[in-house]
Structure formats: structure tokens, C-alpha cells
Amino acid sequence: MKGVLETREVQSPALESNPLGDPARRRLTVYLPPGYGDGAQRYPSVYFLHAFTNSGSSWTNTSPFTPSVPERLDALIASGQVPPVIGVFPDGWTLLGGSQWINSDAIGRYRDYLVKDVLGFVDRTYRTLPKAASRAVLGHSSGGYGALVMGRYHPELFSHLGSHSGDCYFEYCYMPDLPKAAGALLKMGGLEAWHQDFKKRSRETKPRGEDFAVINVLAMAAAYSPKKGEPLNIELPFDPQTARLKLEVWNRWLVHDPVRFVPKFLDAFRKVKSVFLDCGTRDEFNLRWGTRILAEEFKASGVELRHEEFEDSHSGVSYRFENSLGFLIPRMAQE
């Protein structure tokens, strides 16, 4: 017997009038475990946060020979390896490719969207166990980062966290892209000109090699160093003519770095019951090292932690969710 996927739509007050003009009405995919429709049982819920440049619908994309994450969750439940849960797959896509699942004056209130609008809709609509001990939040890359953000701000809502190759140690994961972005923006005559050209090219042809580095830097600046009145309401962490690092702006980014905010907010993270961290040893964004630093911090906090490394790179690692779900779901309150 298999579970089912439902597609709903959520109207988000948090996203209304967002600065990028992105839709406030979002699709929401929900996984219901086998037997859900036959009884009155309530279930724990697991929230899955997608990566940068992905969307809520990307979780159900099919790949040759590779099960999707909802299919992996279904197989774990069907085999009895984990108890049944409700899976929630919200959409955090933006015009800049993502939101980092935070509240930003340049992007919108995506943390509020998740914890108020999506979570509220799910608890009203489905037979969840509406308490922190019965909720987990996890994701890959920017989604893993978002899970750590939820632990920082909302341990009263999520007691279980999972970060697969989550953005951390910004000097290693973001700084290599800064000079690449500076060169592309200088060539095009500035941020607004590059972005207009990028949007046009994205509709007409495939991206250029440096496009990801540039849009990644713009999105992260929108998340970490918004500034009203500037192009796209963002302040870049480097001088546009020389690429010299602007330390006062870069330091605004570092406040959002998990290797810095986890130790600063340990009182919040001590309320969390379990944490799963992993990263590939060949991760192209150097996230292995920040993940190791986070593992040390969590070990010192006394939180129940599993930290794993595996021989692979950053992308195409959805199989790793079997490990995180296998660790987190049995630790969730089942009643």
C-alpha cells in the first residue's frame, strides 16, 4: 500500500506585496501516508525545504533510475523502517532563484510564509500532531540552511532539524563567487543591466557559465544585505569597479552564517531534540568544512546529533534523505 501526493494552493499574507512581485498564492505538495484516508489517526509532519534555483514542484521531478524524495519517504514507511508521517513540500521560488527561507526587505517574508501561512494551513487541513516534538524541518543546500534558520528562530515549532550540505562558513562557500560576479556585472555595465539581460537570455537560450555565480551572489545579497533604494534593493559586498571587499557589507552577511549564529543562539538550539548534518567530501562549494564546524558546536550543546560525510559532490544527492529521515522520524513524538 502506498501513500498519496496532494497538490493544494496556499494564499500567503506574508508574501503579499513582496518587493520582487512574486506570487503570494503558492502551490503546496503534501504527502499523506498509507492508510491516512481510512481512519482518524494524527501524524507527525516533516517539512522539506528545497534548494536555491529549485521550487516546491522540483521534489516530484522524475529522474532516470532515481526515486524522488517523496518516493523515498514512501518506501521507508512502507518497509516499516520509519513510522508514518505527513510530508510537506512548500514552494520558496523567487525572481532571484530563492529566498534562503528568511525574512528580507529585498525578497519578502519567507520565514513567516513557512511558519505562519504554510504551517497554519497544514495543521488546519490535515490530521497533524500540532506540536514541536512532532515536527521536523530539513532540506538540501539553501533548504538545509533554511532548516537551521528555523532552529534559530522557531524551536517552539520544530524540534527536529536536518541540513544536507547546507550553506555555511561563508568565507569558503560564497567568497569564491564574488570576483566572478564582479567581472560579469562590470562587463554588462552594472547590476540592473546584467539582470535584465539574464532574464531575457533565460527565456531564449541556455545560461552562460558564469550566470549561476552572479545570480547566486545577487540572491544572497538580497537575503543578507538588503538596502532599499539601491538596484533590486540590495547592497553588494564588493566595490563594482575593483571588486574590493566592502567589509561593512560583508560583515552583514556573516551575521547570517550558521557557523556564527548557531553558537550565538545555543539556548534556542538546546530546545531542539535531534539534528542531522551531512555533506559530501567533494562538495564544490566547500560546505564540508562549515558542516564540520557546526557538528562541533552541536556536540558541545548536548543536542542529539548525527553527522555524516559521504563520497560525493553537491548535487544529485537526494538519496541522502533516506539517512536523515531514518534518523529523525523515529525520534519524533508519535502521539
C-alpha atoms as a PDB file:
ATOM      1  CA  MET A   1       0.000   0.000   0.000  1.00  0.00           C
ATOM      2  CA  LYS A   2       1.381   3.394  -0.969  1.00  0.00           C
ATOM      3  CA  GLY A   3       0.830   6.926   0.224  1.00  0.00           C
ATOM      4  CA  VAL A   4      -0.569   9.665  -1.976  1.00  0.00           C
ATOM      5  CA  LEU A   5       0.519  13.150  -3.026  1.00  0.00           C
ATOM      6  CA  GLU A   6      -1.940  16.020  -2.947  1.00  0.00           C
ATOM      7  CA  THR A   7      -1.462  19.420  -4.561  1.00  0.00           C
ATOM      8  CA  ARG A   8      -3.056  22.367  -2.799  1.00  0.00           C
ATOM      9  CA  GLU A   9      -2.720  26.135  -3.045  1.00  0.00           C
ATOM     10  CA  VAL A  10      -1.930  28.429  -0.133  1.00  0.00           C
ATOM     11  CA  GLN A  11      -2.630  32.147  -0.129  1.00  0.00           C
ATOM     12  CA  SER A  12       0.176  33.760   1.852  1.00  0.00           C
ATOM     13  CA  PRO A  13      -0.445  37.076   3.629  1.00  0.00           C
ATOM     14  CA  ALA A  14       3.285  37.142   4.403  1.00  0.00           C
ATOM     15  CA  LEU A  15       4.165  37.266   0.699  1.00  0.00           C
ATOM     16  CA  GLU A  16       1.579  39.796  -0.397  1.00  0.00           C
ATOM     17  CA  SER A  17       3.217  42.920  -1.890  1.00  0.00           C
ATOM     18  CA  ASN A  18       6.684  41.342  -1.708  1.00  0.00           C
ATOM     19  CA  PRO A  19       9.434  43.525  -3.254  1.00  0.00           C
ATOM     20  CA  LEU A  20      10.085  41.230  -6.236  1.00  0.00           C
ATOM     21  CA  GLY A  21       6.431  40.948  -7.208  1.00  0.00           C
ATOM     22  CA  ASP A  22       6.494  37.176  -6.813  1.00  0.00           C
ATOM     23  CA  PRO A  23       3.130  35.406  -6.394  1.00  0.00           C
ATOM     24  CA  ALA A  24       1.580  35.287  -2.939  1.00  0.00           C
ATOM     25  CA  ARG A  25      -0.515  32.268  -3.916  1.00  0.00           C
ATOM     26  CA  ARG A  26       1.671  29.172  -3.931  1.00  0.00           C
ATOM     27  CA  ARG A  27       1.333  25.518  -4.759  1.00  0.00           C
ATOM     28  CA  LEU A  28       1.835  23.157  -1.863  1.00  0.00           C
ATOM     29  CA  THR A  29       2.559  19.465  -2.304  1.00  0.00           C
ATOM     30  CA  VAL A  30       1.575  17.241   0.625  1.00  0.00           C
ATOM     31  CA  TYR A  31       2.414  13.563   1.082  1.00  0.00           C
ATOM     32  CA  LEU A  32      -0.171  11.525   3.001  1.00  0.00           C
ATOM     33  CA  PRO A  33       0.997   8.136   4.317  1.00  0.00           C
ATOM     34  CA  PRO A  34      -0.698   4.803   3.599  1.00  0.00           C
ATOM     35  CA  GLY A  35      -3.987   4.481   5.459  1.00  0.00           C
ATOM     36  CA  TYR A  36      -4.416   8.209   6.037  1.00  0.00           C
ATOM     37  CA  GLY A  37      -7.829   8.290   4.360  1.00  0.00           C
ATOM     38  CA  ASP A  38      -9.195   5.323   6.294  1.00  0.00           C
ATOM     39  CA  GLY A  39      -9.049   6.490   9.892  1.00  0.00           C
ATOM     40  CA  ALA A  40      -8.765   9.318  12.397  1.00  0.00           C
ATOM     41  CA  GLN A  41      -5.118   8.905  13.394  1.00  0.00           C
ATOM     42  CA  ARG A  42      -2.940  12.018  13.718  1.00  0.00           C
ATOM     43  CA  TYR A  43       0.582  12.033  12.325  1.00  0.00           C
ATOM     44  CA  PRO A  44       3.901  13.828  12.793  1.00  0.00           C
ATOM     45  CA  SER A  45       4.826  16.178   9.935  1.00  0.00           C
ATOM     46  CA  VAL A  46       8.089  16.666   8.065  1.00  0.00           C
ATOM     47  CA  TYR A  47       8.718  19.927   6.169  1.00  0.00           C
ATOM     48  CA  PHE A  48      11.050  19.737   3.169  1.00  0.00           C
ATOM     49  CA  LEU A  49      12.795  22.967   2.073  1.00  0.00           C
ATOM     50  CA  HIS A  50      14.106  22.995  -1.483  1.00  0.00           C
ATOM     51  CA  ALA A  51      17.454  24.285  -2.688  1.00  0.00           C
ATOM     52  CA  PHE A  52      18.351  27.532  -4.462  1.00  0.00           C
ATOM     53  CA  THR A  53      17.017  27.723  -8.067  1.00  0.00           C
ATOM     54  CA  ASN A  54      14.535  24.936  -7.272  1.00  0.00           C
ATOM     55  CA  SER A  55      10.846  25.149  -6.411  1.00  0.00           C
ATOM     56  CA  GLY A  56       8.264  23.190  -4.484  1.00  0.00           C
ATOM     57  CA  SER A  57       7.390  21.142  -7.563  1.00  0.00           C
ATOM     58  CA  SER A  58      11.021  20.089  -8.070  1.00  0.00           C
ATOM     59  CA  TRP A  59      10.651  17.469  -5.327  1.00  0.00           C
ATOM     60  CA  THR A  60       8.434  15.394  -7.623  1.00  0.00           C
ATOM     61  CA  ASN A  61      10.595  15.698 -10.747  1.00  0.00           C
ATOM     62  CA  THR A  62      11.432  12.291 -12.164  1.00  0.00           C
ATOM     63  CA  SER A  63      14.991  11.267 -12.986  1.00  0.00           C
ATOM     64  CA  PRO A  64      16.072   8.089 -14.788  1.00  0.00           C
ATOM     65  CA  PHE A  65      16.597   5.218 -12.337  1.00  0.00           C
ATOM     66  CA  THR A  66      16.373   7.572  -9.327  1.00  0.00           C
ATOM     67  CA  PRO A  67      13.390   7.750  -6.952  1.00  0.00           C
ATOM     68  CA  SER A  68      12.176  11.192  -5.927  1.00  0.00           C
ATOM     69  CA  VAL A  69      12.341  12.233  -2.274  1.00  0.00           C
ATOM     70  CA  PRO A  70       8.571  11.644  -1.763  1.00  0.00           C
ATOM     71  CA  GLU A  71       9.045   8.172  -3.262  1.00  0.00           C
ATOM     72  CA  ARG A  72      11.944   7.522  -0.901  1.00  0.00           C
ATOM     73  CA  LEU A  73       9.851   8.652   2.062  1.00  0.00           C
ATOM     74  CA  ASP A  74       7.008   6.392   0.913  1.00  0.00           C
ATOM     75  CA  ALA A  75       9.352   3.401   0.606  1.00  0.00           C
ATOM     76  CA  LEU A  76      10.788   3.975   4.091  1.00  0.00           C
ATOM     77  CA  ILE A  77       7.280   3.998   5.566  1.00  0.00           C
ATOM     78  CA  ALA A  78       6.051   1.021   3.519  1.00  0.00           C
ATOM     79  CA  SER A  79       9.039  -1.063   4.611  1.00  0.00           C
ATOM     80  CA  GLY A  80       8.488  -0.235   8.270  1.00  0.00           C
ATOM     81  CA  GLN A  81      11.864   1.454   8.626  1.00  0.00           C
ATOM     82  CA  VAL A  82      10.175   4.615   9.899  1.00  0.00           C
ATOM     83  CA  PRO A  83       6.709   5.353  11.323  1.00  0.00           C
ATOM     84  CA  PRO A  84       4.180   7.070   9.030  1.00  0.00           C
ATOM     85  CA  VAL A  85       4.378  10.862   8.711  1.00  0.00           C
ATOM     86  CA  ILE A  86       2.836  13.641   6.654  1.00  0.00           C
ATOM     87  CA  GLY A  87       5.333  15.243   4.242  1.00  0.00           C
ATOM     88  CA  VAL A  88       5.047  18.943   3.375  1.00  0.00           C
ATOM     89  CA  PHE A  89       6.803  20.442   0.332  1.00  0.00           C
ATOM     90  CA  PRO A  90       6.380  24.261   0.223  1.00  0.00           C
ATOM     91  CA  ASP A  91       7.418  26.491  -2.654  1.00  0.00           C
ATOM     92  CA  GLY A  92      10.011  29.197  -1.967  1.00  0.00           C
ATOM     93  CA  TRP A  93      10.900  30.178  -5.544  1.00  0.00           C
ATOM     94  CA  THR A  94      11.646  33.859  -6.207  1.00  0.00           C
ATOM     95  CA  LEU A  95      12.644  36.027  -9.154  1.00  0.00           C
ATOM     96  CA  LEU A  96      16.232  35.769  -7.892  1.00  0.00           C
ATOM     97  CA  GLY A  97      16.102  31.985  -7.604  1.00  0.00           C
ATOM     98  CA  GLY A  98      15.399  31.604  -3.905  1.00  0.00           C
ATOM     99  CA  SER A  99      14.812  33.207  -0.540  1.00  0.00           C
ATOM    100  CA  GLN A 100      17.117  31.373   1.900  1.00  0.00           C
ATOM    101  CA  TRP A 101      13.824  30.892   3.808  1.00  0.00           C
ATOM    102  CA  ILE A 102      14.358  34.129   5.742  1.00  0.00           C
ATOM    103  CA  ASN A 103      12.592  37.475   6.041  1.00  0.00           C
ATOM    104  CA  SER A 104      14.260  40.092   3.831  1.00  0.00           C
ATOM    105  CA  ASP A 105      13.370  43.634   2.803  1.00  0.00           C
ATOM    106  CA  ALA A 106      14.619  42.824  -0.705  1.00  0.00           C
ATOM    107  CA  ILE A 107      12.900  39.455  -1.208  1.00  0.00           C
ATOM    108  CA  GLY A 108       9.936  39.087   1.118  1.00  0.00           C
ATOM    109  CA  ARG A 109       8.962  37.374   4.363  1.00  0.00           C
ATOM    110  CA  TYR A 110       9.634  33.736   3.510  1.00  0.00           C
ATOM    111  CA  ARG A 111      10.278  32.638   7.080  1.00  0.00           C
ATOM    112  CA  ASP A 112       6.863  33.993   8.051  1.00  0.00           C
ATOM    113  CA  TYR A 113       5.378  32.367   4.953  1.00  0.00           C
ATOM    114  CA  LEU A 114       6.609  28.981   6.143  1.00  0.00           C
ATOM    115  CA  VAL A 115       5.929  29.163   9.876  1.00  0.00           C
ATOM    116  CA  LYS A 116       2.661  31.104   9.736  1.00  0.00           C
ATOM    117  CA  ASP A 117       0.973  30.530   6.397  1.00  0.00           C
ATOM    118  CA  VAL A 118       2.118  27.060   5.316  1.00  0.00           C
ATOM    119  CA  LEU A 119       2.319  25.503   8.776  1.00  0.00           C
ATOM    120  CA  GLY A 120      -1.004  27.031   9.782  1.00  0.00           C
ATOM    121  CA  PHE A 121      -2.690  25.730   6.609  1.00  0.00           C
ATOM    122  CA  VAL A 122      -1.275  22.227   7.089  1.00  0.00           C
ATOM    123  CA  ASP A 123      -2.355  21.979  10.733  1.00  0.00           C
ATOM    124  CA  ARG A 124      -5.848  23.233   9.872  1.00  0.00           C
ATOM    125  CA  THR A 125      -6.266  20.988   6.857  1.00  0.00           C
ATOM    126  CA  TYR A 126      -4.634  17.691   7.833  1.00  0.00           C
ATOM    127  CA  ARG A 127      -4.569  15.440  10.871  1.00  0.00           C
ATOM    128  CA  THR A 128      -1.160  16.506  12.154  1.00  0.00           C
ATOM    129  CA  LEU A 129       0.187  16.347  15.660  1.00  0.00           C
ATOM    130  CA  PRO A 130       0.446  20.144  16.111  1.00  0.00           C
ATOM    131  CA  LYS A 131       3.445  20.367  18.428  1.00  0.00           C
ATOM    132  CA  ALA A 132       7.172  20.889  18.033  1.00  0.00           C
ATOM    133  CA  ALA A 133       8.138  17.398  19.160  1.00  0.00           C
ATOM    134  CA  SER A 134       6.136  16.019  16.220  1.00  0.00           C
ATOM    135  CA  ARG A 135       7.567  18.352  13.564  1.00  0.00           C
ATOM    136  CA  ALA A 136      10.811  18.132  11.597  1.00  0.00           C
ATOM    137  CA  VAL A 137      12.223  20.520   9.007  1.00  0.00           C
ATOM    138  CA  LEU A 138      15.022  19.568   6.648  1.00  0.00           C
ATOM    139  CA  GLY A 139      16.427  20.416   3.259  1.00  0.00           C
ATOM    140  CA  HIS A 140      19.374  20.433   0.897  1.00  0.00           C
ATOM    141  CA  SER A 141      21.764  23.347   0.235  1.00  0.00           C
ATOM    142  CA  SER A 142      19.747  26.563   0.756  1.00  0.00           C
ATOM    143  CA  GLY A 143      16.994  24.318   2.106  1.00  0.00           C
ATOM    144  CA  GLY A 144      19.397  22.891   4.679  1.00  0.00           C
ATOM    145  CA  TYR A 145      20.346  26.447   5.547  1.00  0.00           C
ATOM    146  CA  GLY A 146      16.641  27.216   5.960  1.00  0.00           C
ATOM    147  CA  ALA A 147      16.251  24.315   8.386  1.00  0.00           C
ATOM    148  CA  LEU A 148      18.990  25.816  10.570  1.00  0.00           C
ATOM    149  CA  VAL A 149      17.233  29.197  10.379  1.00  0.00           C
ATOM    150  CA  MET A 150      14.071  27.546  11.717  1.00  0.00           C
ATOM    151  CA  GLY A 151      16.040  26.072  14.600  1.00  0.00           C
ATOM    152  CA  ARG A 152      17.428  29.500  15.411  1.00  0.00           C
ATOM    153  CA  TYR A 153      14.090  31.316  15.408  1.00  0.00           C
ATOM    154  CA  HIS A 154      11.450  28.643  15.928  1.00  0.00           C
ATOM    155  CA  PRO A 155      12.448  25.791  18.238  1.00  0.00           C
ATOM    156  CA  GLU A 156       8.923  26.147  19.631  1.00  0.00           C
ATOM    157  CA  LEU A 157       7.658  24.860  16.257  1.00  0.00           C
ATOM    158  CA  PHE A 158      10.336  22.386  15.073  1.00  0.00           C
ATOM    159  CA  SER A 159      12.159  20.008  17.411  1.00  0.00           C
ATOM    160  CA  HIS A 160      13.994  18.094  14.684  1.00  0.00           C
ATOM    161  CA  LEU A 161      16.351  19.575  12.066  1.00  0.00           C
ATOM    162  CA  GLY A 162      18.122  18.171   9.039  1.00  0.00           C
ATOM    163  CA  SER A 163      20.678  20.014   6.907  1.00  0.00           C
ATOM    164  CA  HIS A 164      22.100  18.305   3.824  1.00  0.00           C
ATOM    165  CA  SER A 165      25.054  20.356   2.531  1.00  0.00           C
ATOM    166  CA  GLY A 166      23.525  23.498   3.999  1.00  0.00           C
ATOM    167  CA  ASP A 167      25.103  26.882   3.248  1.00  0.00           C
ATOM    168  CA  CYS A 168      27.641  27.665   5.976  1.00  0.00           C
ATOM    169  CA  TYR A 169      31.120  29.117   6.523  1.00  0.00           C
ATOM    170  CA  PHE A 170      30.516  31.934   4.074  1.00  0.00           C
ATOM    171  CA  GLU A 171      34.213  32.684   3.504  1.00  0.00           C
ATOM    172  CA  TYR A 172      34.512  29.294   1.797  1.00  0.00           C
ATOM    173  CA  CYS A 173      31.101  28.807   0.175  1.00  0.00           C
ATOM    174  CA  TYR A 174      30.288  32.302  -1.137  1.00  0.00           C
ATOM    175  CA  MET A 175      33.506  34.279  -1.402  1.00  0.00           C
ATOM    176  CA  PRO A 176      34.871  32.362  -4.433  1.00  0.00           C
ATOM    177  CA  ASP A 177      31.862  33.606  -6.446  1.00  0.00           C
ATOM    178  CA  LEU A 178      32.346  37.292  -5.600  1.00  0.00           C
ATOM    179  CA  PRO A 179      35.096  38.085  -8.163  1.00  0.00           C
ATOM    180  CA  LYS A 180      33.232  36.082 -10.823  1.00  0.00           C
ATOM    181  CA  ALA A 181      30.118  38.149 -10.200  1.00  0.00           C
ATOM    182  CA  ALA A 182      32.108  41.386 -10.154  1.00  0.00           C
ATOM    183  CA  GLY A 183      33.582  40.626 -13.588  1.00  0.00           C
ATOM    184  CA  ALA A 184      30.236  39.763 -15.170  1.00  0.00           C
ATOM    185  CA  LEU A 185      28.498  42.825 -13.722  1.00  0.00           C
ATOM    186  CA  LEU A 186      31.310  45.143 -14.837  1.00  0.00           C
ATOM    187  CA  LYS A 187      31.198  43.707 -18.352  1.00  0.00           C
ATOM    188  CA  MET A 188      27.436  44.311 -18.626  1.00  0.00           C
ATOM    189  CA  GLY A 189      27.523  47.806 -17.144  1.00  0.00           C
ATOM    190  CA  GLY A 190      26.066  47.099 -13.729  1.00  0.00           C
ATOM    191  CA  LEU A 191      23.620  45.066 -11.727  1.00  0.00           C
ATOM    192  CA  GLU A 192      20.373  46.169 -13.352  1.00  0.00           C
ATOM    193  CA  ALA A 193      21.709  45.773 -16.902  1.00  0.00           C
ATOM    194  CA  TRP A 194      23.027  42.287 -16.130  1.00  0.00           C
ATOM    195  CA  HIS A 195      19.760  41.200 -14.538  1.00  0.00           C
ATOM    196  CA  GLN A 196      17.634  42.435 -17.422  1.00  0.00           C
ATOM    197  CA  ASP A 197      19.921  40.645 -19.882  1.00  0.00           C
ATOM    198  CA  PHE A 198      19.844  37.486 -17.753  1.00  0.00           C
ATOM    199  CA  LYS A 199      16.049  37.409 -17.650  1.00  0.00           C
ATOM    200  CA  LYS A 200      15.885  37.849 -21.440  1.00  0.00           C
ATOM    201  CA  ARG A 201      18.504  35.187 -22.116  1.00  0.00           C
ATOM    202  CA  SER A 202      16.868  32.763 -19.678  1.00  0.00           C
ATOM    203  CA  ARG A 203      13.730  32.810 -21.804  1.00  0.00           C
ATOM    204  CA  GLU A 204      15.554  32.467 -25.104  1.00  0.00           C
ATOM    205  CA  THR A 205      18.643  30.317 -24.600  1.00  0.00           C
ATOM    206  CA  LYS A 206      20.594  28.359 -22.011  1.00  0.00           C
ATOM    207  CA  PRO A 207      22.516  30.130 -19.201  1.00  0.00           C
ATOM    208  CA  ARG A 208      26.152  31.107 -19.579  1.00  0.00           C
ATOM    209  CA  GLY A 209      28.858  29.523 -17.498  1.00  0.00           C
ATOM    210  CA  GLU A 210      29.165  32.416 -15.036  1.00  0.00           C
ATOM    211  CA  ASP A 211      25.413  33.016 -14.663  1.00  0.00           C
ATOM    212  CA  PHE A 212      24.992  30.837 -11.591  1.00  0.00           C
ATOM    213  CA  ALA A 213      27.774  32.626  -9.721  1.00  0.00           C
ATOM    214  CA  VAL A 214      26.219  36.018 -10.456  1.00  0.00           C
ATOM    215  CA  ILE A 215      22.596  35.158  -9.644  1.00  0.00           C
ATOM    216  CA  ASN A 216      23.793  33.347  -6.527  1.00  0.00           C
ATOM    217  CA  VAL A 217      25.621  36.467  -5.319  1.00  0.00           C
ATOM    218  CA  LEU A 218      22.633  38.692  -6.115  1.00  0.00           C
ATOM    219  CA  ALA A 219      20.233  36.401  -4.273  1.00  0.00           C
ATOM    220  CA  MET A 220      22.481  36.130  -1.243  1.00  0.00           C
ATOM    221  CA  ALA A 221      22.939  39.907  -1.166  1.00  0.00           C
ATOM    222  CA  ALA A 222      19.158  40.261  -1.281  1.00  0.00           C
ATOM    223  CA  ALA A 223      18.917  37.898   1.680  1.00  0.00           C
ATOM    224  CA  TYR A 224      21.815  39.162   3.796  1.00  0.00           C
ATOM    225  CA  SER A 225      22.445  42.803   2.801  1.00  0.00           C
ATOM    226  CA  PRO A 226      19.202  44.346   1.543  1.00  0.00           C
ATOM    227  CA  LYS A 227      19.201  48.112   1.088  1.00  0.00           C
ATOM    228  CA  LYS A 228      16.134  49.985  -0.034  1.00  0.00           C
ATOM    229  CA  GLY A 229      16.642  52.434  -2.867  1.00  0.00           C
ATOM    230  CA  GLU A 230      19.502  50.507  -4.478  1.00  0.00           C
ATOM    231  CA  PRO A 231      19.028  48.442  -7.670  1.00  0.00           C
ATOM    232  CA  LEU A 232      16.980  45.364  -6.725  1.00  0.00           C
ATOM    233  CA  ASN A 233      17.091  46.761  -3.162  1.00  0.00           C
ATOM    234  CA  ILE A 234      20.441  45.097  -2.492  1.00  0.00           C
ATOM    235  CA  GLU A 235      23.917  46.190  -1.470  1.00  0.00           C
ATOM    236  CA  LEU A 236      26.749  44.121  -2.904  1.00  0.00           C
ATOM    237  CA  PRO A 237      29.646  43.150  -0.606  1.00  0.00           C
ATOM    238  CA  PHE A 238      32.290  44.418  -3.049  1.00  0.00           C
ATOM    239  CA  ASP A 239      33.156  47.581  -4.943  1.00  0.00           C
ATOM    240  CA  PRO A 240      31.757  47.292  -8.507  1.00  0.00           C
ATOM    241  CA  GLN A 241      34.891  48.749 -10.131  1.00  0.00           C
ATOM    242  CA  THR A 242      37.675  46.985  -8.230  1.00  0.00           C
ATOM    243  CA  ALA A 243      35.911  44.017  -6.547  1.00  0.00           C
ATOM    244  CA  ARG A 244      37.497  45.196  -3.297  1.00  0.00           C
ATOM    245  CA  LEU A 245      35.608  43.585  -0.424  1.00  0.00           C
ATOM    246  CA  LYS A 246      33.374  46.070   1.430  1.00  0.00           C
ATOM    247  CA  LEU A 247      33.882  44.796   4.946  1.00  0.00           C
ATOM    248  CA  GLU A 248      30.940  46.661   6.444  1.00  0.00           C
ATOM    249  CA  VAL A 249      28.616  44.874   3.992  1.00  0.00           C
ATOM    250  CA  TRP A 250      30.405  41.523   4.152  1.00  0.00           C
ATOM    251  CA  ASN A 251      30.067  41.589   7.934  1.00  0.00           C
ATOM    252  CA  ARG A 252      26.302  41.907   7.465  1.00  0.00           C
ATOM    253  CA  TRP A 253      26.457  38.634   5.550  1.00  0.00           C
ATOM    254  CA  LEU A 254      28.483  36.947   8.277  1.00  0.00           C
ATOM    255  CA  VAL A 255      25.785  37.616  10.880  1.00  0.00           C
ATOM    256  CA  HIS A 256      23.661  35.151   8.882  1.00  0.00           C
ATOM    257  CA  ASP A 257      26.355  32.445   8.729  1.00  0.00           C
ATOM    258  CA  PRO A 258      25.318  29.297  10.671  1.00  0.00           C
ATOM    259  CA  VAL A 259      28.862  28.776  11.964  1.00  0.00           C
ATOM    260  CA  ARG A 260      28.371  32.109  13.715  1.00  0.00           C
ATOM    261  CA  PHE A 261      24.694  32.127  14.649  1.00  0.00           C
ATOM    262  CA  VAL A 262      24.487  28.544  15.959  1.00  0.00           C
ATOM    263  CA  PRO A 263      26.949  29.181  18.832  1.00  0.00           C
ATOM    264  CA  LYS A 264      25.380  32.590  19.464  1.00  0.00           C
ATOM    265  CA  PHE A 265      21.881  31.112  19.777  1.00  0.00           C
ATOM    266  CA  LEU A 266      22.709  27.881  21.562  1.00  0.00           C
ATOM    267  CA  ASP A 267      19.918  28.475  24.085  1.00  0.00           C
ATOM    268  CA  ALA A 268      17.438  28.156  21.206  1.00  0.00           C
ATOM    269  CA  PHE A 269      19.153  25.130  19.683  1.00  0.00           C
ATOM    270  CA  ARG A 270      19.276  23.353  23.044  1.00  0.00           C
ATOM    271  CA  LYS A 271      15.469  23.189  22.837  1.00  0.00           C
ATOM    272  CA  VAL A 272      15.809  21.085  19.667  1.00  0.00           C
ATOM    273  CA  LYS A 273      15.677  17.322  20.226  1.00  0.00           C
ATOM    274  CA  SER A 274      17.649  15.987  17.257  1.00  0.00           C
ATOM    275  CA  VAL A 275      19.838  17.314  14.432  1.00  0.00           C
ATOM    276  CA  PHE A 276      21.113  15.583  11.300  1.00  0.00           C
ATOM    277  CA  LEU A 277      24.028  17.091   9.332  1.00  0.00           C
ATOM    278  CA  ASP A 278      25.836  15.730   6.302  1.00  0.00           C
ATOM    279  CA  CYS A 279      27.936  16.856   3.349  1.00  0.00           C
ATOM    280  CA  GLY A 280      29.837  15.258   0.503  1.00  0.00           C
ATOM    281  CA  THR A 281      33.618  15.144   0.702  1.00  0.00           C
ATOM    282  CA  ARG A 282      33.787  16.566  -2.849  1.00  0.00           C
ATOM    283  CA  ASP A 283      31.266  19.366  -2.347  1.00  0.00           C
ATOM    284  CA  GLU A 284      32.085  22.079  -4.894  1.00  0.00           C
ATOM    285  CA  PHE A 285      31.068  24.875  -2.523  1.00  0.00           C
ATOM    286  CA  ASN A 286      33.435  23.746   0.236  1.00  0.00           C
ATOM    287  CA  LEU A 287      30.493  23.100   2.569  1.00  0.00           C
ATOM    288  CA  ARG A 288      32.169  20.084   4.125  1.00  0.00           C
ATOM    289  CA  TRP A 289      34.208  22.329   6.400  1.00  0.00           C
ATOM    290  CA  GLY A 290      31.417  24.534   7.650  1.00  0.00           C
ATOM    291  CA  THR A 291      29.358  21.410   8.324  1.00  0.00           C
ATOM    292  CA  ARG A 292      32.203  20.002  10.403  1.00  0.00           C
ATOM    293  CA  ILE A 293      32.344  23.234  12.408  1.00  0.00           C
ATOM    294  CA  LEU A 294      28.590  23.073  13.004  1.00  0.00           C
ATOM    295  CA  ALA A 295      28.876  19.463  14.137  1.00  0.00           C
ATOM    296  CA  GLU A 296      31.404  20.502  16.784  1.00  0.00           C
ATOM    297  CA  GLU A 297      29.080  23.266  18.018  1.00  0.00           C
ATOM    298  CA  PHE A 298      26.086  20.956  18.232  1.00  0.00           C
ATOM    299  CA  LYS A 299      28.090  18.287  20.044  1.00  0.00           C
ATOM    300  CA  ALA A 300      29.116  20.876  22.628  1.00  0.00           C
ATOM    301  CA  SER A 301      25.475  21.932  23.066  1.00  0.00           C
ATOM    302  CA  GLY A 302      24.343  18.466  24.083  1.00  0.00           C
ATOM    303  CA  VAL A 303      21.784  18.148  21.262  1.00  0.00           C
ATOM    304  CA  GLU A 304      21.378  14.619  19.910  1.00  0.00           C
ATOM    305  CA  LEU A 305      23.360  14.807  16.675  1.00  0.00           C
ATOM    306  CA  ARG A 306      24.217  12.625  13.732  1.00  0.00           C
ATOM    307  CA  HIS A 307      26.933  13.993  11.444  1.00  0.00           C
ATOM    308  CA  GLU A 308      27.893  12.052   8.330  1.00  0.00           C
ATOM    309  CA  GLU A 309      30.207  12.552   5.364  1.00  0.00           C
ATOM    310  CA  PHE A 310      29.922  10.650   2.102  1.00  0.00           C
ATOM    311  CA  GLU A 311      31.964  10.353  -1.077  1.00  0.00           C
ATOM    312  CA  ASP A 312      30.066  12.591  -3.490  1.00  0.00           C
ATOM    313  CA  SER A 313      29.615  16.189  -4.650  1.00  0.00           C
ATOM    314  CA  HIS A 314      26.938  18.822  -4.013  1.00  0.00           C
ATOM    315  CA  SER A 315      24.161  17.998  -6.477  1.00  0.00           C
ATOM    316  CA  GLY A 316      22.259  14.799  -7.227  1.00  0.00           C
ATOM    317  CA  VAL A 317      22.383  13.548  -3.664  1.00  0.00           C
ATOM    318  CA  SER A 318      18.673  13.112  -2.899  1.00  0.00           C
ATOM    319  CA  TYR A 319      19.442   9.541  -1.810  1.00  0.00           C
ATOM    320  CA  ARG A 320      20.895  11.072   1.350  1.00  0.00           C
ATOM    321  CA  PHE A 321      17.386  11.917   2.570  1.00  0.00           C
ATOM    322  CA  GLU A 322      16.942   8.240   3.404  1.00  0.00           C
ATOM    323  CA  ASN A 323      19.640   8.698   6.059  1.00  0.00           C
ATOM    324  CA  SER A 324      18.223  11.883   7.559  1.00  0.00           C
ATOM    325  CA  LEU A 325      14.634  10.618   7.569  1.00  0.00           C
ATOM    326  CA  GLY A 326      15.763   7.314   9.043  1.00  0.00           C
ATOM    327  CA  PHE A 327      17.422   9.210  11.887  1.00  0.00           C
ATOM    328  CA  LEU A 328      14.881  11.989  12.541  1.00  0.00           C
ATOM    329  CA  ILE A 329      11.458  10.377  12.095  1.00  0.00           C
ATOM    330  CA  PRO A 330      11.873   7.673  14.814  1.00  0.00           C
ATOM    331  CA  ARG A 331      12.798  10.473  17.238  1.00  0.00           C
ATOM    332  CA  MET A 332       9.612  12.435  16.578  1.00  0.00           C
ATOM    333  CA  ALA A 333       6.720  12.174  19.035  1.00  0.00           C
ATOM    334  CA  GLN A 334       4.143   9.824  17.512  1.00  0.00           C
ATOM    335  CA  GLU A 335       1.184  10.823  19.687  1.00  0.00           C
END
